[in-house]
Amino acid sequence: MTTSDVDLEDIRRNLRATLAPFGPDYWRELDGARAFPDALFAAMAEGGWFGTLIPERWGGADVGPAVASVVVEEINRAGGDATTVNAQMAICGTLVRDGNDEQRQRYLPGVVDGSVRFLSVAATEPDSGADMSTLLSTARRDGDGWVLQASKVLISLAEHTRLMILLVSTDEGPTLFLLDLDEVGDAVERHPIEMITNRLTTSVFIDELRVPDSVRLGPVGGGLKCLMKGFAPRRVFAAAEALGNARFMLDRSLVHAKERVTFDRPIGQNQGVQYPLTHAYASVEAADLMRWDALRLIEADDPGASGRSALAKILASEAAWETARAALTTFGGWALSADYHVERKLRDTTVFVFNNLLLSYVAERVLGLPKAY
């Protein structure tokens, strides 16, 4: 399904009705408690939003990536954090594309109705980080099954998921396994990592876990290719989250600039407030255009979608960062108070500004420059 097949404004109206009970104060309390948004998650499941990218044969709505991008944008624009919803909608894409029929039938209907949480991909490692060519986590064959040995870091939501995709090295190359933690959870150690924002992040350790070949996801040695098929839409969803954060801060800054009066005039009359907000607005609008251009190419299955999605994520994250600075200028010292929600969104915004790999990708694959070292 393409963007032209759905009324995105109607989608936004329906979403805002669902999100109305979950305003900024709800998210501030969760942030302080470092808690999972159970009530929001249940409401999104009831609304059918988790089936946005899942085909109808498994209970989904299959309305496409444009709708998914609007979902995460609206959650963040309402003052929330779409991390859990983004994960539940999008991570299962690897299962949809490369899982076998038994795996898909067993899990996807539960992902749609929210009874099965599918929130985590365990890929990054302590020493290699995002360099998937030097994986130290392994799977070795053992009869008709495998023995897994893994050490992973910075894995979001691992303590709150039932299903986890694990990327490990085999003799044939990087390979994916779909772990059901209800079945093997005791063998998977998860240790929380205190972070700047409430991503419920952990380290994951697996020591000599034997699993049947039926939990392998996709072909042996094809793990990276399976994950990469989802990179373009996932970048756009990250861009949409950043845009939602930016618009939340911009919306509140504009209201404050018009209402806050000092020296007998609204602070929005001062160029020192006007210009940063105007620059931020321009950056947000430009990044949003790139978001929709990337989605157009994704829907058309155009190879250029990969580069465009990288640009969308780069521009949106930088626009959100610029908007955070403008909000700090507008609110002054009050921006550091939790009551105004700017400081929380400033922390959320930092998650999206790590763009070096995307910059290298655009330089090499789009601009044709030599590979950077």
Protein backbone atom coordinates (compact mmCIF):
# COMPACT_ATOMS: atom_id res chain seq x y z
CA MET A 1 0.00 0.00 0.00
CA THR A 2 1.28 3.52 -0.83
CA THR A 3 0.84 6.92 0.78
CA SER A 4 -1.82 7.86 -1.76
CA ASP A 5 -4.00 4.95 -0.62
CA VAL A 6 -4.56 6.31 2.90
CA ASP A 7 -5.79 9.58 4.40
CA LEU A 8 -2.87 10.58 6.58
CA GLU A 9 -4.79 13.44 8.16
CA ASP A 10 -7.45 10.98 9.25
CA ILE A 11 -4.68 8.78 10.63
CA ARG A 12 -3.36 11.75 12.62
CA ARG A 13 -6.81 12.57 14.02
CA ASN A 14 -7.36 8.99 15.14
CA LEU A 15 -3.92 8.83 16.69
CA ARG A 16 -4.40 12.06 18.60
CA ALA A 17 -7.60 10.69 20.09
CA THR A 18 -5.74 7.56 21.21
CA LEU A 19 -2.86 9.60 22.60
CA ALA A 20 -4.98 12.19 24.43
CA PRO A 21 -4.75 10.42 27.84
CA PHE A 22 -0.97 10.15 27.51
CA GLY A 23 0.26 13.71 27.69
CA PRO A 24 3.70 15.04 28.67
CA ASP A 25 3.10 14.51 32.40
CA TYR A 26 2.49 10.78 31.81
CA TRP A 27 5.84 10.52 30.07
CA ARG A 28 7.64 12.61 32.68
CA GLU A 29 6.51 10.18 35.39
CA LEU A 30 7.65 7.17 33.33
CA ASP A 31 10.99 8.85 32.67
CA GLY A 32 11.54 9.47 36.36
CA ALA A 33 10.64 5.89 37.24
CA ARG A 34 12.52 4.41 34.27
CA ALA A 35 9.36 2.39 33.59
CA PHE A 36 7.78 0.73 30.55
CA PRO A 37 4.72 2.56 29.09
CA ASP A 38 2.30 -0.30 29.73
CA ALA A 39 -0.88 1.77 29.45
CA LEU A 40 0.17 3.44 26.20
CA PHE A 41 1.30 0.11 24.78
CA ALA A 42 -2.07 -1.45 25.56
CA ALA A 43 -3.93 1.48 23.98
CA MET A 44 -1.87 1.26 20.81
CA ALA A 45 -2.53 -2.49 20.62
CA GLU A 46 -6.26 -1.93 21.06
CA GLY A 47 -6.18 0.62 18.25
CA GLY A 48 -4.55 -1.91 15.91
CA TRP A 49 -1.47 0.21 15.32
CA PHE A 50 1.01 -2.63 15.79
CA GLY A 51 -0.26 -4.24 12.60
CA THR A 52 0.65 -1.24 10.49
CA LEU A 53 3.40 -3.10 8.60
CA ILE A 54 2.14 -6.68 8.94
CA PRO A 55 0.22 -8.36 6.07
CA GLU A 56 -3.47 -9.07 6.52
CA ARG A 57 -2.97 -12.84 6.42
CA TRP A 58 -1.38 -12.60 9.88
CA GLY A 59 -3.92 -10.13 11.24
CA GLY A 60 -2.20 -6.89 10.29
CA ALA A 61 -3.46 -3.85 8.43
CA ASP A 62 -0.49 -3.58 6.02
CA VAL A 63 -0.99 0.16 5.47
CA GLY A 64 2.66 0.87 4.81
CA PRO A 65 5.70 2.76 6.10
CA ALA A 66 4.21 6.22 5.63
CA VAL A 67 1.56 5.45 8.23
CA ALA A 68 4.17 3.94 10.57
CA SER A 69 6.23 7.12 10.29
CA VAL A 70 3.19 9.22 11.19
CA VAL A 71 2.47 6.99 14.20
CA VAL A 72 5.89 7.50 15.79
CA GLU A 73 5.97 11.19 14.87
CA GLU A 74 2.62 11.85 16.55
CA ILE A 75 3.60 10.03 19.75
CA ASN A 76 6.72 12.16 20.09
CA ARG A 77 4.94 15.36 19.07
CA ALA A 78 2.44 14.69 21.88
CA GLY A 79 5.34 14.73 24.33
CA GLY A 80 5.91 10.99 24.36
CA ASP A 81 8.60 8.49 23.46
CA ALA A 82 7.71 6.20 20.55
CA THR A 83 10.59 3.77 21.16
CA THR A 84 8.41 0.85 22.19
CA VAL A 85 5.78 1.38 19.50
CA ASN A 86 8.41 1.87 16.80
CA ALA A 87 10.07 -1.38 17.85
CA GLN A 88 6.82 -3.37 17.97
CA MET A 89 5.75 -2.14 14.53
CA ALA A 90 9.05 -2.40 12.70
CA ILE A 91 11.41 -5.03 14.12
CA CYS A 92 9.04 -7.80 13.05
CA GLY A 93 9.72 -6.76 9.44
CA THR A 94 12.65 -9.18 9.39
CA LEU A 95 10.31 -11.99 10.46
CA VAL A 96 7.72 -10.96 7.84
CA ARG A 97 10.31 -10.98 5.06
CA ASP A 98 12.63 -13.83 6.02
CA GLY A 99 10.92 -15.97 8.62
CA ASN A 100 9.42 -19.34 7.78
CA ASP A 101 5.67 -19.91 7.73
CA GLU A 102 5.67 -21.65 11.12
CA GLN A 103 7.48 -18.75 12.80
CA ARG A 104 5.24 -16.15 11.20
CA GLN A 105 2.01 -17.93 12.03
CA ARG A 106 3.12 -18.55 15.59
CA TYR A 107 4.15 -15.00 16.44
CA LEU A 108 2.82 -12.31 14.08
CA PRO A 109 -0.86 -12.39 15.17
CA GLY A 110 0.34 -11.87 18.75
CA VAL A 111 2.56 -8.97 17.67
CA VAL A 112 -0.49 -7.35 16.07
CA ASP A 113 -2.68 -7.61 19.18
CA GLY A 114 0.17 -6.78 21.56
CA SER A 115 0.13 -10.10 23.42
CA VAL A 116 3.61 -10.88 22.04
CA ARG A 117 6.20 -8.16 22.55
CA PHE A 118 8.82 -8.11 19.80
CA LEU A 119 11.05 -5.21 20.79
CA SER A 120 14.75 -6.06 20.58
CA VAL A 121 17.57 -6.75 18.15
CA ALA A 122 20.79 -7.87 19.83
CA ALA A 123 23.50 -6.93 17.35
CA THR A 124 26.02 -4.44 18.81
CA GLU A 125 28.95 -5.80 20.82
CA PRO A 126 31.29 -4.39 23.49
CA ASP A 127 34.38 -4.15 21.28
CA SER A 128 33.07 -3.91 17.73
CA GLY A 129 30.10 -1.62 18.34
CA ALA A 130 28.22 -1.29 15.07
CA ASP A 131 30.97 -3.03 13.04
CA MET A 132 29.09 -6.20 12.17
CA SER A 133 32.04 -7.60 10.21
CA THR A 134 33.94 -8.44 13.40
CA LEU A 135 31.31 -10.27 15.43
CA LEU A 136 32.68 -12.24 18.37
CA SER A 137 29.32 -13.73 19.32
CA THR A 138 29.00 -17.13 17.69
CA ALA A 139 26.74 -20.02 16.82
CA ARG A 140 28.34 -23.40 16.23
CA ARG A 141 26.56 -26.42 14.84
CA ASP A 142 25.71 -29.20 17.28
CA GLY A 143 23.97 -32.10 15.58
CA ASP A 144 20.70 -30.78 14.20
CA GLY A 145 20.86 -27.62 16.33
CA TRP A 146 23.16 -24.80 17.38
CA VAL A 147 25.03 -23.65 20.45
CA LEU A 148 24.97 -19.89 20.98
CA GLN A 149 27.61 -17.83 22.74
CA ALA A 150 27.00 -14.07 22.79
CA SER A 151 27.91 -10.82 24.48
CA LYS A 152 25.86 -7.79 23.38
CA VAL A 153 25.61 -4.20 24.63
CA LEU A 154 23.24 -1.25 24.31
CA ILE A 155 20.23 -3.46 23.59
CA SER A 156 17.01 -1.52 24.06
CA LEU A 157 13.98 -3.03 25.81
CA ALA A 158 15.55 -6.47 26.26
CA GLU A 159 14.01 -6.86 29.74
CA HIS A 160 10.54 -6.13 28.36
CA THR A 161 10.43 -8.24 25.21
CA ARG A 162 9.40 -11.80 24.55
CA LEU A 163 11.07 -12.07 21.14
CA MET A 164 14.63 -11.01 20.38
CA ILE A 165 16.59 -11.18 17.15
CA LEU A 166 20.18 -12.24 17.84
CA LEU A 167 22.96 -11.66 15.31
CA VAL A 168 25.95 -14.00 15.63
CA SER A 169 28.83 -15.30 13.54
CA THR A 170 28.85 -18.79 12.01
CA ASP A 171 31.33 -20.55 9.73
CA GLU A 172 29.14 -19.48 6.79
CA GLY A 173 28.83 -15.85 7.92
CA PRO A 174 26.60 -13.67 10.13
CA THR A 175 23.34 -15.42 10.96
CA LEU A 176 20.13 -14.47 12.76
CA PHE A 177 18.29 -16.40 15.44
CA LEU A 178 14.80 -15.61 16.75
CA LEU A 179 14.86 -16.21 20.49
CA ASP A 180 11.62 -16.67 22.43
CA LEU A 181 12.61 -15.54 25.90
CA ASP A 182 9.58 -17.25 27.42
CA GLU A 183 11.32 -20.46 26.42
CA VAL A 184 15.03 -19.64 26.86
CA GLY A 185 14.86 -16.61 29.12
CA ASP A 186 16.77 -18.14 32.02
CA ALA A 187 19.73 -18.69 29.72
CA VAL A 188 19.79 -15.05 28.57
CA GLU A 189 21.32 -12.68 31.13
CA ARG A 190 20.16 -9.07 30.89
CA HIS A 191 21.76 -6.29 32.92
CA PRO A 192 20.38 -2.72 32.86
CA ILE A 193 22.57 0.12 31.64
CA GLU A 194 21.75 3.54 33.10
CA MET A 195 21.30 5.91 30.17
CA ILE A 196 20.65 9.60 29.61
CA THR A 197 17.14 8.73 28.44
CA ASN A 198 14.54 6.09 29.24
CA ARG A 199 15.42 3.51 26.57
CA LEU A 200 15.40 0.64 29.10
CA THR A 201 18.79 -0.43 27.74
CA THR A 202 20.70 -3.54 28.76
CA SER A 203 23.70 -5.71 28.18
CA VAL A 204 22.86 -9.25 27.04
CA PHE A 205 24.96 -12.35 27.73
CA ILE A 206 24.36 -15.89 26.49
CA ASP A 207 26.60 -18.78 27.53
CA GLU A 208 26.41 -22.09 25.68
CA LEU A 209 22.69 -21.99 24.89
CA ARG A 210 21.59 -24.89 22.70
CA VAL A 211 18.70 -24.13 20.34
CA PRO A 212 17.09 -26.09 17.51
CA ASP A 213 17.60 -25.05 13.91
CA SER A 214 13.92 -24.05 13.80
CA VAL A 215 14.73 -20.81 15.66
CA ARG A 216 17.12 -19.68 12.94
CA LEU A 217 15.73 -16.64 11.13
CA GLY A 218 16.59 -16.51 7.44
CA PRO A 219 19.45 -18.34 5.69
CA VAL A 220 22.68 -19.35 7.36
CA GLY A 221 25.24 -16.65 6.56
CA GLY A 222 22.54 -14.23 5.41
CA GLY A 223 21.90 -12.41 8.65
CA LEU A 224 23.26 -9.01 7.66
CA LYS A 225 21.40 -9.05 4.36
CA CYS A 226 18.17 -9.86 6.20
CA LEU A 227 18.67 -6.96 8.61
CA MET A 228 19.71 -4.56 5.87
CA LYS A 229 16.41 -5.01 4.03
CA GLY A 230 14.80 -3.08 6.85
CA PHE A 231 17.39 -0.33 7.17
CA ALA A 232 15.72 2.24 4.89
CA PRO A 233 12.31 2.24 6.59
CA ARG A 234 13.90 2.07 10.06
CA ARG A 235 15.95 5.18 9.25
CA VAL A 236 12.79 6.99 8.17
CA PHE A 237 11.03 5.99 11.38
CA ALA A 238 13.98 7.35 13.37
CA ALA A 239 13.71 10.55 11.33
CA ALA A 240 9.99 10.73 12.11
CA GLU A 241 10.67 10.30 15.83
CA ALA A 242 13.21 13.13 15.68
CA LEU A 243 10.73 15.31 13.79
CA GLY A 244 8.09 14.62 16.43
CA ASN A 245 10.50 15.66 19.16
CA ALA A 246 11.40 18.80 17.22
CA ARG A 247 7.80 19.77 16.65
CA PHE A 248 6.94 19.23 20.31
CA MET A 249 9.69 21.63 21.34
CA LEU A 250 8.90 24.09 18.55
CA ASP A 251 5.17 24.14 19.35
CA ARG A 252 5.80 24.84 23.02
CA SER A 253 8.52 27.39 22.29
CA LEU A 254 6.26 29.39 19.98
CA VAL A 255 3.51 29.53 22.62
CA HIS A 256 6.02 30.57 25.29
CA ALA A 257 7.58 33.21 23.01
CA LYS A 258 4.17 34.81 22.46
CA GLU A 259 2.99 34.64 26.07
CA ARG A 260 6.14 35.36 28.06
CA VAL A 261 6.48 39.11 28.63
CA THR A 262 9.65 40.82 29.84
CA PHE A 263 10.58 44.50 29.58
CA ASP A 264 6.95 45.22 28.62
CA ARG A 265 6.93 43.08 25.48
CA PRO A 266 6.65 39.41 24.49
CA ILE A 267 10.03 37.75 24.20
CA GLY A 268 9.05 36.57 20.73
CA GLN A 269 9.49 40.17 19.60
CA ASN A 270 13.22 39.90 20.21
CA GLN A 271 15.41 38.87 17.30
CA GLY A 272 17.48 36.72 19.66
CA VAL A 273 14.41 34.53 20.13
CA GLN A 274 12.84 34.92 16.68
CA TYR A 275 15.83 33.94 14.60
CA PRO A 276 16.74 30.65 16.33
CA LEU A 277 13.10 29.55 16.17
CA THR A 278 12.85 30.49 12.50
CA HIS A 279 16.03 28.62 11.65
CA ALA A 280 14.76 25.60 13.59
CA TYR A 281 11.42 25.72 11.79
CA ALA A 282 13.19 25.86 8.40
CA SER A 283 15.37 22.87 9.33
CA VAL A 284 12.38 20.84 10.50
CA GLU A 285 10.37 21.54 7.34
CA ALA A 286 13.33 20.68 5.09
CA ALA A 287 13.95 17.41 6.94
CA ASP A 288 10.27 16.55 6.70
CA LEU A 289 10.38 16.95 2.92
CA MET A 290 13.31 14.53 2.81
CA ARG A 291 11.32 12.10 4.97
CA TRP A 292 8.47 12.05 2.44
CA ASP A 293 10.85 11.78 -0.51
CA ALA A 294 12.51 8.77 1.11
CA LEU A 295 9.12 7.17 1.71
CA ARG A 296 8.19 7.74 -1.93
CA LEU A 297 11.27 5.82 -3.03
CA ILE A 298 10.73 3.06 -0.45
CA GLU A 299 7.18 2.53 -1.69
CA ALA A 300 8.44 2.41 -5.28
CA ASP A 301 11.15 -0.11 -4.30
CA ASP A 302 13.68 2.33 -5.76
CA PRO A 303 17.37 1.63 -4.93
CA GLY A 304 17.79 5.33 -4.21
CA ALA A 305 15.66 4.90 -1.08
CA SER A 306 18.69 3.80 0.92
CA GLY A 307 20.58 7.05 0.39
CA ARG A 308 17.47 9.19 0.75
CA SER A 309 16.53 7.49 4.02
CA ALA A 310 20.03 8.14 5.35
CA LEU A 311 19.68 11.82 4.49
CA ALA A 312 16.24 11.95 6.11
CA LYS A 313 17.61 10.59 9.37
CA ILE A 314 20.66 12.90 9.30
CA LEU A 315 18.64 16.03 8.57
CA ALA A 316 15.82 15.23 11.01
CA SER A 317 18.16 14.48 13.90
CA GLU A 318 20.11 17.67 13.28
CA ALA A 319 16.88 19.66 12.97
CA ALA A 320 15.72 18.30 16.33
CA TRP A 321 19.06 19.20 17.89
CA GLU A 322 18.81 22.75 16.49
CA THR A 323 15.24 23.02 17.78
CA ALA A 324 16.38 21.90 21.23
CA ARG A 325 18.92 24.73 21.29
CA ALA A 326 16.25 27.20 20.18
CA ALA A 327 13.95 25.94 22.95
CA LEU A 328 16.72 26.46 25.49
CA THR A 329 17.11 30.05 24.26
CA THR A 330 13.36 30.63 24.40
CA PHE A 331 12.65 29.15 27.84
CA GLY A 332 15.92 30.22 29.45
CA GLY A 333 16.43 28.65 32.86
CA TRP A 334 12.95 27.12 32.84
CA ALA A 335 14.08 24.84 30.00
CA LEU A 336 16.06 22.91 32.61
CA SER A 337 12.99 22.28 34.75
CA ALA A 338 11.25 18.92 34.34
CA ASP A 339 7.90 20.73 34.61
CA TYR A 340 8.36 22.24 31.13
CA HIS A 341 9.38 18.94 29.47
CA VAL A 342 12.08 20.61 27.37
CA GLU A 343 14.96 19.04 29.27
CA ARG A 344 13.50 15.56 28.74
CA LYS A 345 13.09 16.15 25.02
CA LEU A 346 16.61 17.54 24.89
CA ARG A 347 17.84 14.25 26.36
CA ASP A 348 15.68 12.24 23.96
CA THR A 349 17.12 14.21 21.05
CA THR A 350 20.68 13.16 21.86
CA VAL A 351 19.81 9.56 20.96
CA PHE A 352 19.40 10.42 17.29
CA VAL A 353 22.49 12.53 16.56
CA PHE A 354 25.00 9.69 16.08
CA ASN A 355 25.27 9.92 12.30
CA ASN A 356 28.87 9.13 11.41
CA LEU A 357 28.08 5.78 9.78
CA LEU A 358 25.27 7.37 7.76
CA LEU A 359 27.52 10.24 6.70
CA SER A 360 30.11 7.72 5.52
CA TYR A 361 27.41 5.77 3.69
CA VAL A 362 26.17 8.85 1.83
CA ALA A 363 29.72 9.97 1.03
CA GLU A 364 30.66 6.59 -0.42
CA ARG A 365 27.42 5.22 -1.91
CA VAL A 366 25.70 8.43 -3.02
CA LEU A 367 28.53 10.87 -3.70
CA GLY A 368 31.00 8.27 -4.96
CA LEU A 369 33.83 9.31 -2.64
CA PRO A 370 36.54 6.85 -1.56
CA LYS A 371 35.76 4.71 1.49
CA ALA A 372 36.72 6.57 4.65
CA TYR A 373 39.08 5.10 7.23
